[in-house]
Amino acid sequence: MRQVVRDLADGAQSLGELDFAAMCRRHGIPEPDRQVMRRTPRGRIYLDARWQASRVVVEIDGAGHRVGLAVSDDNLRQNEVVLRGDRVLRIDLIGLRVHEREFFRQLGRALTA
């Protein structure tokens, strides 16, 4: 519960790449490439986590992703990634803390599909 409160206060910055990598190991998921850069018609974007062989991307959304035009920006980014052949799983930060097991089950299914 303390971690959820910190996440609410700090947004996605409180879940570092090392935290996500540790979660992957805990669930038997291979570590992804992190902060993968892509060029799109809107410029450079960085993907939070990507498994190249499976063409699976995970985007972790903190509270800032729900404010103003961030939702539209995220939608445009995701659409571009999907149109280039990757599958994108979106995980909200609070959901990841509360439903970690379920999200990692989905990720496992995506990686083996």
C-alpha atoms as a PDB file:
ATOM      1  CA  MET A   1       0.000   0.000   0.000  1.00  0.00           C
ATOM      2  CA  ARG A   2       2.879   2.377   0.749  1.00  0.00           C
ATOM      3  CA  GLN A   3       4.237   1.811  -2.748  1.00  0.00           C
ATOM      4  CA  VAL A   4       0.839   2.651  -4.277  1.00  0.00           C
ATOM      5  CA  VAL A   5       0.765   5.929  -2.329  1.00  0.00           C
ATOM      6  CA  ARG A   6       4.282   6.754  -3.567  1.00  0.00           C
ATOM      7  CA  ASP A   7       3.221   5.930  -7.111  1.00  0.00           C
ATOM      8  CA  LEU A   8       0.220   8.242  -6.843  1.00  0.00           C
ATOM      9  CA  ALA A   9       2.442  11.041  -5.571  1.00  0.00           C
ATOM     10  CA  ASP A  10       5.339  10.535  -7.994  1.00  0.00           C
ATOM     11  CA  GLY A  11       3.723   9.175 -11.144  1.00  0.00           C
ATOM     12  CA  ALA A  12       5.558   6.754 -13.429  1.00  0.00           C
ATOM     13  CA  GLN A  13       8.961   8.003 -12.307  1.00  0.00           C
ATOM     14  CA  SER A  14       8.628   5.898  -9.161  1.00  0.00           C
ATOM     15  CA  LEU A  15       8.660   2.670 -11.188  1.00  0.00           C
ATOM     16  CA  GLY A  16      12.172   2.470 -12.552  1.00  0.00           C
ATOM     17  CA  GLU A  17      13.484   0.233 -15.272  1.00  0.00           C
ATOM     18  CA  LEU A  18      15.217  -1.887 -12.652  1.00  0.00           C
ATOM     19  CA  ASP A  19      11.914  -2.394 -10.801  1.00  0.00           C
ATOM     20  CA  PHE A  20      10.230  -3.595 -13.983  1.00  0.00           C
ATOM     21  CA  ALA A  21      13.182  -5.863 -14.818  1.00  0.00           C
ATOM     22  CA  ALA A  22      12.981  -7.380 -11.317  1.00  0.00           C
ATOM     23  CA  MET A  23       9.247  -7.959 -11.792  1.00  0.00           C
ATOM     24  CA  CYS A  24       9.971  -9.704 -15.106  1.00  0.00           C
ATOM     25  CA  ARG A  25      12.496 -12.015 -13.429  1.00  0.00           C
ATOM     26  CA  ARG A  26      10.086 -12.730 -10.573  1.00  0.00           C
ATOM     27  CA  HIS A  27       7.461 -13.874 -13.096  1.00  0.00           C
ATOM     28  CA  GLY A  28       9.845 -15.855 -15.305  1.00  0.00           C
ATOM     29  CA  ILE A  29       9.688 -13.303 -18.110  1.00  0.00           C
ATOM     30  CA  PRO A  30      12.917 -12.516 -19.975  1.00  0.00           C
ATOM     31  CA  GLU A  31      14.120  -8.961 -19.494  1.00  0.00           C
ATOM     32  CA  PRO A  32      13.098  -6.632 -22.322  1.00  0.00           C
ATOM     33  CA  ASP A  33      15.043  -4.051 -24.208  1.00  0.00           C
ATOM     34  CA  ARG A  34      14.223  -0.765 -22.478  1.00  0.00           C
ATOM     35  CA  GLN A  35      13.720   2.741 -23.807  1.00  0.00           C
ATOM     36  CA  VAL A  36      13.827   1.535 -27.415  1.00  0.00           C
ATOM     37  CA  MET A  37      13.869   4.520 -29.744  1.00  0.00           C
ATOM     38  CA  ARG A  38      11.696   4.624 -32.852  1.00  0.00           C
ATOM     39  CA  ARG A  39      11.285   7.297 -35.501  1.00  0.00           C
ATOM     40  CA  THR A  40       7.719   8.073 -36.493  1.00  0.00           C
ATOM     41  CA  PRO A  41       6.080  10.789 -38.596  1.00  0.00           C
ATOM     42  CA  ARG A  42       5.679  12.743 -35.315  1.00  0.00           C
ATOM     43  CA  GLY A  43       9.361  12.437 -34.418  1.00  0.00           C
ATOM     44  CA  ARG A  44      11.276  10.190 -32.035  1.00  0.00           C
ATOM     45  CA  ILE A  45       9.445   8.067 -29.510  1.00  0.00           C
ATOM     46  CA  TYR A  46      10.786   5.823 -26.774  1.00  0.00           C
ATOM     47  CA  LEU A  47       9.108   2.545 -25.903  1.00  0.00           C
ATOM     48  CA  ASP A  48       9.228   1.593 -22.227  1.00  0.00           C
ATOM     49  CA  ALA A  49       9.897  -2.112 -22.835  1.00  0.00           C
ATOM     50  CA  ARG A  50      10.132  -4.251 -25.988  1.00  0.00           C
ATOM     51  CA  TRP A  51      10.793  -7.899 -26.694  1.00  0.00           C
ATOM     52  CA  GLN A  52      12.171  -7.888 -30.236  1.00  0.00           C
ATOM     53  CA  ALA A  53      11.732 -11.585 -31.040  1.00  0.00           C
ATOM     54  CA  SER A  54       8.050 -11.525 -30.038  1.00  0.00           C
ATOM     55  CA  ARG A  55       7.389  -7.982 -31.285  1.00  0.00           C
ATOM     56  CA  VAL A  56       5.700  -7.168 -27.993  1.00  0.00           C
ATOM     57  CA  VAL A  57       5.842  -3.731 -26.387  1.00  0.00           C
ATOM     58  CA  VAL A  58       4.800  -2.759 -22.864  1.00  0.00           C
ATOM     59  CA  GLU A  59       3.978   0.842 -22.064  1.00  0.00           C
ATOM     60  CA  ILE A  60       3.616   1.697 -18.386  1.00  0.00           C
ATOM     61  CA  ASP A  61       1.335   4.658 -17.802  1.00  0.00           C
ATOM     62  CA  GLY A  62       1.589   6.828 -14.717  1.00  0.00           C
ATOM     63  CA  ALA A  63      -0.941   9.480 -13.758  1.00  0.00           C
ATOM     64  CA  GLY A  64       0.514  11.960 -16.252  1.00  0.00           C
ATOM     65  CA  HIS A  65      -0.718   9.798 -19.116  1.00  0.00           C
ATOM     66  CA  ARG A  66      -4.330  10.621 -18.201  1.00  0.00           C
ATOM     67  CA  VAL A  67      -4.000  14.415 -18.265  1.00  0.00           C
ATOM     68  CA  GLY A  68      -4.847  16.792 -21.095  1.00  0.00           C
ATOM     69  CA  LEU A  69      -3.644  15.725 -24.515  1.00  0.00           C
ATOM     70  CA  ALA A  70      -1.426  12.946 -23.148  1.00  0.00           C
ATOM     71  CA  VAL A  71      -4.138  10.377 -23.903  1.00  0.00           C
ATOM     72  CA  SER A  72      -4.289  11.433 -27.559  1.00  0.00           C
ATOM     73  CA  ASP A  73      -0.495  11.517 -27.815  1.00  0.00           C
ATOM     74  CA  ASP A  74      -0.316   8.004 -26.352  1.00  0.00           C
ATOM     75  CA  ASN A  75      -2.990   6.781 -28.761  1.00  0.00           C
ATOM     76  CA  LEU A  76      -1.110   8.178 -31.754  1.00  0.00           C
ATOM     77  CA  ARG A  77       2.142   6.605 -30.530  1.00  0.00           C
ATOM     78  CA  GLN A  78       0.512   3.230 -29.930  1.00  0.00           C
ATOM     79  CA  ASN A  79      -1.253   3.246 -33.284  1.00  0.00           C
ATOM     80  CA  GLU A  80       2.048   3.935 -35.063  1.00  0.00           C
ATOM     81  CA  VAL A  81       3.781   1.089 -33.214  1.00  0.00           C
ATOM     82  CA  VAL A  82       0.933  -1.325 -34.009  1.00  0.00           C
ATOM     83  CA  LEU A  83       0.845  -0.292 -37.656  1.00  0.00           C
ATOM     84  CA  ARG A  84       4.542  -1.218 -37.848  1.00  0.00           C
ATOM     85  CA  GLY A  85       3.816  -4.756 -36.650  1.00  0.00           C
ATOM     86  CA  ASP A  86       4.267  -4.765 -32.868  1.00  0.00           C
ATOM     87  CA  ARG A  87       1.625  -5.576 -30.289  1.00  0.00           C
ATOM     88  CA  VAL A  88       1.313  -3.077 -27.438  1.00  0.00           C
ATOM     89  CA  LEU A  89       0.206  -3.902 -23.915  1.00  0.00           C
ATOM     90  CA  ARG A  90      -0.630  -0.847 -21.818  1.00  0.00           C
ATOM     91  CA  ILE A  91      -0.313  -1.158 -18.066  1.00  0.00           C
ATOM     92  CA  ASP A  92      -1.299   1.626 -15.723  1.00  0.00           C
ATOM     93  CA  LEU A  93       1.123   2.040 -12.864  1.00  0.00           C
ATOM     94  CA  ILE A  94      -1.404   1.608 -10.055  1.00  0.00           C
ATOM     95  CA  GLY A  95      -2.855  -1.440 -11.804  1.00  0.00           C
ATOM     96  CA  LEU A  96       0.630  -2.907 -12.075  1.00  0.00           C
ATOM     97  CA  ARG A  97       1.112  -2.545  -8.326  1.00  0.00           C
ATOM     98  CA  VAL A  98      -2.332  -3.928  -7.463  1.00  0.00           C
ATOM     99  CA  HIS A  99      -2.734  -6.558 -10.221  1.00  0.00           C
ATOM    100  CA  GLU A 100       0.885  -7.448 -10.949  1.00  0.00           C
ATOM    101  CA  ARG A 101       0.241 -11.164 -11.327  1.00  0.00           C
ATOM    102  CA  GLU A 102      -2.597 -10.683 -13.835  1.00  0.00           C
ATOM    103  CA  PHE A 103      -0.660  -8.221 -15.988  1.00  0.00           C
ATOM    104  CA  PHE A 104       2.356 -10.527 -16.101  1.00  0.00           C
ATOM    105  CA  ARG A 105       0.143 -13.464 -17.041  1.00  0.00           C
ATOM    106  CA  GLN A 106      -1.089 -11.385 -19.995  1.00  0.00           C
ATOM    107  CA  LEU A 107       2.478 -10.461 -20.889  1.00  0.00           C
ATOM    108  CA  GLY A 108       3.505 -14.124 -20.754  1.00  0.00           C
ATOM    109  CA  ARG A 109       0.645 -15.015 -23.107  1.00  0.00           C
ATOM    110  CA  ALA A 110       1.640 -12.229 -25.514  1.00  0.00           C
ATOM    111  CA  LEU A 111       5.262 -13.378 -25.570  1.00  0.00           C
ATOM    112  CA  THR A 112       4.316 -16.976 -26.384  1.00  0.00           C
ATOM    113  CA  ALA A 113       1.498 -16.228 -28.860  1.00  0.00           C
END
